[in-house]
Protein backbone atom coordinates (compact mmCIF):
# COMPACT_ATOMS: atom_id res chain seq x y z
CA MET A 1 0.00 0.00 0.00
CA SER A 2 1.06 3.59 -0.53
CA ASN A 3 2.29 5.40 2.56
CA SER A 4 -0.11 8.19 1.65
CA TYR A 5 -3.05 6.07 2.77
CA PRO A 6 -4.51 6.94 6.18
CA ILE A 7 -3.68 4.65 9.08
CA LEU A 8 -6.28 3.38 11.54
CA HIS A 9 -4.85 2.40 14.90
CA LEU A 10 -6.78 -0.61 16.18
CA ASP A 11 -6.42 -1.84 19.76
CA ILE A 12 -7.64 -5.40 20.26
CA ILE A 13 -8.74 -5.87 23.85
CA SER A 14 -9.10 -9.53 24.75
CA ASP A 15 -8.23 -12.46 26.98
CA PHE A 16 -6.74 -15.73 25.82
CA ILE A 17 -9.17 -17.94 27.73
CA CYS A 18 -12.14 -16.28 26.02
CA PRO A 19 -13.46 -18.44 23.14
CA TRP A 20 -15.30 -15.46 21.66
CA CYS A 21 -11.98 -13.60 21.49
CA PHE A 22 -10.46 -16.44 19.47
CA ILE A 23 -13.44 -16.38 17.13
CA GLY A 24 -13.26 -12.59 16.94
CA LYS A 25 -9.56 -12.75 16.09
CA ARG A 26 -10.11 -15.16 13.21
CA LYS A 27 -13.00 -13.08 11.84
CA LEU A 28 -10.82 -9.98 12.14
CA ASP A 29 -8.16 -11.76 10.07
CA ARG A 30 -10.67 -12.19 7.26
CA ALA A 31 -11.62 -8.53 7.50
CA LEU A 32 -7.98 -7.44 7.38
CA GLY A 33 -7.62 -9.24 4.07
CA ASN A 34 -10.28 -6.97 2.56
CA VAL A 35 -9.10 -3.58 3.82
CA SER A 36 -8.92 -1.03 1.01
CA GLY A 37 -7.96 2.64 0.94
CA PHE A 38 -6.32 2.71 4.35
CA GLN A 39 -3.95 0.75 6.53
CA ILE A 40 -4.52 -0.74 9.98
CA ASN A 41 -1.96 -0.66 12.74
CA LEU A 42 -2.74 -3.41 15.27
CA ALA A 43 -1.94 -3.54 18.98
CA TRP A 44 -3.11 -6.11 21.53
CA ARG A 45 -4.20 -4.89 24.95
CA PRO A 46 -4.82 -7.05 28.03
CA PHE A 47 -8.13 -7.83 29.66
CA ARG A 48 -8.36 -10.63 32.23
CA LEU A 49 -11.79 -12.21 32.43
CA ASP A 50 -11.10 -13.17 36.02
CA PRO A 51 -8.13 -11.48 37.73
CA THR A 52 -8.86 -13.50 40.90
CA ILE A 53 -7.70 -16.82 39.39
CA ALA A 54 -4.74 -18.17 41.37
CA ASP A 55 -1.31 -17.47 39.91
CA GLU A 56 -0.79 -21.18 39.23
CA GLY A 57 -4.26 -21.52 37.68
CA GLU A 58 -7.07 -23.75 38.84
CA ASP A 59 -8.60 -27.09 37.99
CA ARG A 60 -11.04 -26.30 35.20
CA LYS A 61 -13.98 -28.33 36.49
CA GLU A 62 -13.60 -26.99 40.01
CA TYR A 63 -13.27 -23.44 38.72
CA LEU A 64 -16.35 -23.62 36.52
CA THR A 65 -18.39 -25.13 39.33
CA ARG A 66 -17.24 -22.45 41.77
CA LYS A 67 -17.73 -19.62 39.31
CA PHE A 68 -20.96 -20.61 37.58
CA GLY A 69 -22.47 -23.45 39.58
CA ALA A 70 -23.04 -26.77 37.85
CA PRO A 71 -21.69 -25.93 34.38
CA LYS A 72 -23.81 -26.62 31.34
CA SER A 73 -20.69 -27.35 29.34
CA LYS A 74 -22.30 -29.28 26.50
CA LYS A 75 -24.67 -26.45 25.65
CA PHE A 76 -21.87 -23.92 25.97
CA ALA A 77 -19.56 -25.93 23.73
CA SER A 78 -22.26 -26.32 21.10
CA THR A 79 -22.96 -22.58 21.08
CA VAL A 80 -19.29 -21.77 20.66
CA GLN A 81 -18.82 -24.35 17.91
CA ASP A 82 -21.74 -22.86 15.98
CA ALA A 83 -20.32 -19.35 16.33
CA ALA A 84 -16.93 -20.56 15.09
CA ALA A 85 -18.27 -21.79 11.74
CA GLY A 86 -15.99 -20.66 8.94
CA THR A 87 -13.06 -19.77 11.19
CA ASP A 88 -11.20 -23.12 10.96
CA ILE A 89 -11.02 -23.26 14.75
CA GLN A 90 -11.18 -26.79 16.16
CA PHE A 91 -12.29 -26.26 19.74
CA ALA A 92 -11.30 -29.18 21.99
CA PHE A 93 -12.83 -28.32 25.35
CA ASP A 94 -12.37 -31.90 26.52
CA LYS A 95 -8.59 -31.41 26.43
CA ILE A 96 -8.63 -28.40 28.75
CA THR A 97 -7.89 -29.38 32.35
CA ARG A 98 -6.71 -26.05 33.78
CA THR A 99 -8.12 -22.54 33.82
CA PRO A 100 -4.98 -20.41 33.83
CA ASN A 101 -4.22 -16.99 35.15
CA THR A 102 -3.39 -15.14 31.92
CA LEU A 103 -1.21 -12.36 33.33
CA ASN A 104 1.97 -13.94 31.97
CA ALA A 105 0.38 -14.64 28.58
CA HIS A 106 -0.41 -10.95 28.30
CA ARG A 107 3.17 -10.10 29.30
CA LEU A 108 4.47 -12.32 26.48
CA VAL A 109 2.26 -10.57 23.95
CA ARG A 110 3.41 -7.18 25.28
CA TRP A 111 7.07 -8.13 24.81
CA SER A 112 6.44 -9.58 21.36
CA GLY A 113 5.26 -6.18 20.17
CA GLU A 114 8.89 -5.11 19.90
CA TYR A 115 9.26 -7.63 17.09
CA GLY A 116 5.91 -7.10 15.40
CA LEU A 117 4.73 -10.52 16.58
CA GLN A 118 1.69 -9.71 18.69
CA HIS A 119 -0.95 -10.85 16.22
CA ALA A 120 0.79 -14.14 15.42
CA ILE A 121 1.57 -15.01 19.02
CA ALA A 122 -1.97 -14.14 20.10
CA ASP A 123 -3.29 -16.69 17.62
CA ASP A 124 -0.85 -19.30 18.94
CA LEU A 125 -1.93 -18.65 22.52
CA PHE A 126 -5.58 -19.13 21.61
CA SER A 127 -4.81 -22.27 19.66
CA ALA A 128 -2.58 -23.73 22.37
CA TYR A 129 -5.36 -23.38 24.92
CA PHE A 130 -8.54 -24.08 22.97
CA GLU A 131 -7.33 -26.58 20.36
CA HIS A 132 -4.57 -28.39 22.26
CA GLY A 133 -5.55 -27.97 25.91
CA LYS A 134 -2.19 -26.52 26.92
CA ASP A 135 -1.75 -24.55 30.14
CA ILE A 136 -0.98 -21.04 28.86
CA GLY A 137 -0.40 -19.89 32.41
CA ASP A 138 2.68 -22.10 32.56
CA VAL A 139 5.88 -20.20 31.83
CA ASN A 140 7.40 -23.12 29.91
CA THR A 141 4.42 -23.21 27.55
CA LEU A 142 4.72 -19.47 26.97
CA ILE A 143 8.45 -19.66 26.34
CA GLU A 144 7.87 -22.48 23.86
CA ILE A 145 5.50 -20.25 21.93
CA GLY A 146 7.89 -17.30 22.04
CA VAL A 147 10.86 -19.37 20.89
CA LYS A 148 8.80 -20.62 17.95
CA TYR A 149 8.93 -17.02 16.69
CA ALA A 150 12.67 -16.66 17.39
CA MET A 151 12.29 -14.82 20.69
CA ASP A 152 15.30 -15.56 22.89
CA GLU A 153 14.65 -18.29 25.47
CA THR A 154 17.20 -17.02 27.98
CA VAL A 155 15.83 -13.49 27.79
CA LEU A 156 12.25 -14.72 28.19
CA ARG A 157 13.11 -16.83 31.24
CA ALA A 158 14.77 -13.84 32.86
CA LYS A 159 11.81 -11.62 32.11
CA PHE A 160 9.28 -14.09 33.51
CA ALA A 161 11.44 -14.57 36.62
CA SER A 162 11.32 -10.81 37.21
CA ASN A 163 8.39 -8.46 37.76
CA GLU A 164 8.93 -6.77 34.42
CA ASP A 165 5.65 -5.36 33.06
CA VAL A 166 3.52 -7.02 35.76
CA SER A 167 2.18 -3.73 37.11
CA GLU A 168 1.91 -2.24 33.60
CA THR A 169 -0.18 -5.19 32.41
CA ARG A 170 -2.48 -4.89 35.41
CA GLN A 171 -2.81 -1.16 34.83
CA LEU A 172 -3.79 -1.64 31.19
CA ASP A 173 -6.40 -4.19 32.27
CA ALA A 174 -7.77 -1.68 34.77
CA GLN A 175 -7.75 1.09 32.16
CA ALA A 176 -9.88 -0.99 29.82
CA ARG A 177 -12.42 -1.57 32.58
CA GLY A 178 -12.32 2.11 33.48
CA ALA A 179 -13.07 2.96 29.86
CA GLY A 180 -16.24 0.88 30.04
CA VAL A 181 -15.05 -2.44 28.64
CA THR A 182 -17.03 -5.14 30.44
CA GLY A 183 -16.82 -7.87 27.82
CA VAL A 184 -14.36 -8.99 25.20
CA PRO A 185 -13.31 -9.03 22.47
CA ALA A 186 -13.44 -5.28 22.09
CA PHE A 187 -11.95 -3.22 19.30
CA LEU A 188 -10.88 0.36 20.00
CA MET A 189 -10.47 2.42 16.84
CA GLY A 190 -8.26 5.48 16.88
CA GLY A 191 -8.57 5.61 20.65
CA LYS A 192 -12.14 6.89 20.30
CA PHE A 193 -14.60 4.36 18.90
CA LEU A 194 -15.28 1.09 20.70
CA LEU A 195 -16.87 -1.98 19.15
CA VAL A 196 -17.58 -4.99 21.33
CA GLY A 197 -18.08 -8.60 20.30
CA ALA A 198 -16.92 -11.14 17.72
CA GLN A 199 -18.23 -9.40 14.63
CA GLU A 200 -18.60 -10.68 11.09
CA PRO A 201 -15.79 -9.64 8.70
CA GLU A 202 -18.06 -7.63 6.42
CA TYR A 203 -19.37 -5.61 9.35
CA LEU A 204 -15.86 -4.99 10.65
CA ASN A 205 -14.82 -3.63 7.26
CA GLN A 206 -17.80 -1.26 7.25
CA ILE A 207 -17.07 0.00 10.76
CA PHE A 208 -13.35 0.43 10.12
CA SER A 209 -14.10 2.48 7.00
CA LYS A 210 -16.51 4.69 8.95
CA ALA A 211 -13.94 5.14 11.70
CA VAL A 212 -11.30 6.30 9.23
CA VAL A 213 -13.68 8.92 7.86
CA LYS A 214 -14.78 10.10 11.32
CA LEU A 215 -11.25 10.35 12.66
CA ALA A 216 -10.08 12.31 9.62
CA ASN A 217 -13.20 14.54 9.58
CA PRO A 218 -14.64 14.89 13.10
CA GLY A 219 -17.56 16.95 11.79
CA HIS A 220 -18.46 14.43 9.09
CA SER A 221 -22.12 13.36 9.08
CA ALA A 222 -21.38 9.64 8.62
CA ASP A 223 -22.90 7.35 11.19
CA THR A 224 -20.83 6.91 14.32
CA PRO A 225 -18.86 3.63 14.14
CA GLY A 226 -20.49 0.91 16.16
CA ALA A 227 -23.85 2.63 16.25
């Protein structure tokens, strides 16, 4: 694309144990393939569905029972599978034995931004958890994913062993909640327009186009994105 095209900054606010976020990411990928007349600059921002989960994670069945009562997992799984049609996601809920604390997963994505890897690593985190049942709260799992993209293993181990970006990640989570984000995925366009939910690619393209116009011409009469 020509550098003269406008750039839309898109913050993706999500959590890696949210199936709707995985679906939303894959639908966003399809939308990104049809962007025309402008460019999109992506950044992933943290949102933890449950910040109270123990640092080491929790047994999934025990967690679901404590959090929601007797879980209606079959109905839930069916609903998610239906929503994932066309995304090539192979949800394998039966493989998931742990509900992880995702603080460290968000730290990994934060660090990967230096290398332009956030979008790819986010997809791998979703896939590791939902399709392969891996514990993405486990540092070794996270390092394995980072190393796959040529991130340095020694550096990653040192970072995880430290408190680097722990408070910053928590602050960004809190900022999202303070801005009114109560559910994810959420897409923040140009720091002004917020769209919530796993949206269809065609709708995303329409909203992104409207956002570009509104951000470039604040007085423009076009419908407000997301309205």
